[in-house]
Amino acid sequence: MKSLEELAKIKAQAKEAMSARNQSGIRVVVGMATCGIAAGARPVMNTLVEELKLRGVSDINVTMTGCLGLCKYEPMVEVIDAEGTKTTYIKVDSNKAKRIVAEHLVNGQVCEDLTIASVE
């Protein structure tokens, strides 16, 4: 890289590649603060990524965030659809993560019994 123009070109290419990866508008966010990691969020995140890859789904981003504020329900996973509607899954393990991918992310059916609404 020898100039600001070249840097701007690289930035534009990276932005284009990132937006192409999330054409569905769906985001999956895993709480990865200390409380989440201690409760097992890392294997949950790995399972989500692996299951999506296994099913050939490449247009859903799986990212991490800090504390979601409800430590007793960790590991927590939030699915945010293209309209911004958020579904919060609680006490997620690898088996539940596989179910979330199969039922919610692939088939569009929220796993109601795994959501925070199921305990309220």
Protein backbone atom coordinates (compact mmCIF):
# COMPACT_ATOMS: atom_id res chain seq x y z
CA MET A 1 0.00 0.00 0.00
CA LYS A 2 1.55 3.22 -1.13
CA SER A 3 -1.23 5.82 -0.99
CA LEU A 4 -4.46 6.87 0.67
CA GLU A 5 -6.31 6.09 -2.55
CA GLU A 6 -5.08 2.52 -2.42
CA LEU A 7 -6.19 2.26 1.22
CA ALA A 8 -9.63 3.64 0.31
CA LYS A 9 -9.92 1.04 -2.47
CA ILE A 10 -9.06 -1.78 -0.04
CA LYS A 11 -11.63 -0.44 2.43
CA ALA A 12 -14.33 -0.31 -0.25
CA GLN A 13 -13.58 -3.88 -1.33
CA ALA A 14 -13.77 -5.11 2.27
CA LYS A 15 -17.12 -3.36 2.84
CA GLU A 16 -18.52 -4.86 -0.35
CA ALA A 17 -17.39 -8.35 0.65
CA MET A 18 -18.92 -7.97 4.12
CA SER A 19 -22.27 -6.75 2.81
CA ALA A 20 -22.38 -9.64 0.31
CA ARG A 21 -22.01 -12.08 3.20
CA ASN A 22 -25.11 -10.74 4.96
CA GLN A 23 -27.64 -10.53 2.16
CA SER A 24 -30.36 -12.10 4.30
CA GLY A 25 -30.19 -9.24 6.79
CA ILE A 26 -30.18 -11.75 9.65
CA ARG A 27 -27.58 -11.38 12.40
CA VAL A 28 -26.79 -13.82 15.18
CA VAL A 29 -25.12 -12.35 18.27
CA VAL A 30 -23.59 -14.48 21.03
CA GLY A 31 -22.94 -13.00 24.49
CA MET A 32 -19.22 -13.53 25.04
CA ALA A 33 -18.49 -11.58 28.21
CA THR A 34 -16.84 -13.41 31.10
CA CYS A 35 -20.20 -14.69 32.31
CA GLY A 36 -21.11 -16.06 28.88
CA ILE A 37 -17.75 -17.69 28.31
CA ALA A 38 -17.83 -19.27 31.77
CA ALA A 39 -21.29 -20.68 31.02
CA GLY A 40 -20.16 -22.21 27.71
CA ALA A 41 -20.73 -19.54 25.04
CA ARG A 42 -17.59 -20.38 23.07
CA PRO A 43 -18.70 -23.91 22.06
CA VAL A 44 -22.18 -22.50 21.30
CA MET A 45 -20.72 -19.93 18.93
CA ASN A 46 -18.54 -22.57 17.27
CA THR A 47 -21.58 -24.85 16.83
CA LEU A 48 -23.64 -22.04 15.26
CA VAL A 49 -20.87 -21.26 12.75
CA GLU A 50 -20.24 -24.95 11.96
CA GLU A 51 -23.94 -25.75 11.51
CA LEU A 52 -24.48 -22.82 9.16
CA LYS A 53 -21.43 -23.85 7.15
CA LEU A 54 -22.59 -27.48 7.08
CA ARG A 55 -25.94 -26.37 5.65
CA GLY A 56 -24.30 -24.09 3.10
CA VAL A 57 -25.72 -20.91 4.67
CA SER A 58 -23.24 -18.12 4.06
CA ASP A 59 -25.45 -15.02 4.21
CA ILE A 60 -25.95 -14.92 8.00
CA ASN A 61 -23.35 -13.24 10.18
CA VAL A 62 -22.54 -14.77 13.56
CA THR A 63 -20.83 -12.25 15.82
CA MET A 64 -20.02 -11.82 19.48
CA THR A 65 -20.83 -9.08 21.94
CA GLY A 66 -20.16 -8.34 25.58
CA CYS A 67 -22.55 -8.86 28.44
CA LEU A 68 -26.23 -8.94 27.52
CA GLY A 69 -27.17 -8.12 31.12
CA LEU A 70 -28.87 -11.32 32.26
CA CYS A 71 -25.99 -13.45 33.47
CA LYS A 72 -28.19 -16.14 35.03
CA TYR A 73 -29.49 -17.00 31.54
CA GLU A 74 -26.09 -17.39 29.85
CA PRO A 75 -25.12 -18.57 27.33
CA MET A 76 -27.44 -16.25 25.42
CA VAL A 77 -27.91 -15.96 21.67
CA GLU A 78 -29.82 -13.17 19.95
CA VAL A 79 -31.21 -13.55 16.44
CA ILE A 80 -31.97 -10.21 14.81
CA ASP A 81 -33.95 -10.39 11.58
CA ALA A 82 -33.86 -7.98 8.65
CA GLU A 83 -36.64 -5.84 10.20
CA GLY A 84 -34.74 -5.55 13.49
CA THR A 85 -36.95 -7.94 15.46
CA LYS A 86 -34.87 -9.61 18.14
CA THR A 87 -35.34 -13.13 19.49
CA THR A 88 -33.32 -13.90 22.62
CA TYR A 89 -32.44 -17.52 23.33
CA ILE A 90 -31.27 -18.44 26.81
CA LYS A 91 -29.22 -21.20 28.42
CA VAL A 92 -28.08 -22.32 24.97
CA ASP A 93 -25.86 -25.37 24.61
CA SER A 94 -24.56 -27.02 21.44
CA ASN A 95 -27.69 -29.13 20.93
CA LYS A 96 -29.94 -26.09 21.31
CA ALA A 97 -27.66 -24.14 18.93
CA LYS A 98 -28.14 -26.86 16.30
CA ARG A 99 -31.88 -26.62 16.77
CA ILE A 100 -31.82 -22.81 16.46
CA VAL A 101 -29.96 -23.11 13.16
CA ALA A 102 -32.27 -25.81 11.78
CA GLU A 103 -35.59 -24.40 12.91
CA HIS A 104 -35.12 -20.64 13.16
CA LEU A 105 -32.30 -19.66 10.82
CA VAL A 106 -33.00 -22.17 8.05
CA ASN A 107 -36.78 -22.67 8.32
CA GLY A 108 -37.87 -19.36 9.88
CA GLN A 109 -39.62 -20.91 12.90
CA VAL A 110 -38.71 -19.40 16.28
CA CYS A 111 -37.95 -22.03 18.95
CA GLU A 112 -40.35 -20.47 21.46
CA ASP A 113 -39.50 -22.89 24.26
CA LEU A 114 -35.84 -21.77 24.20
CA THR A 115 -36.51 -18.03 24.36
CA ILE A 116 -36.41 -15.68 27.30
CA ALA A 117 -40.19 -15.28 26.90
CA SER A 118 -40.60 -18.90 27.97
CA VAL A 119 -39.46 -18.06 31.55
CA GLU A 120 -41.24 -14.74 31.97
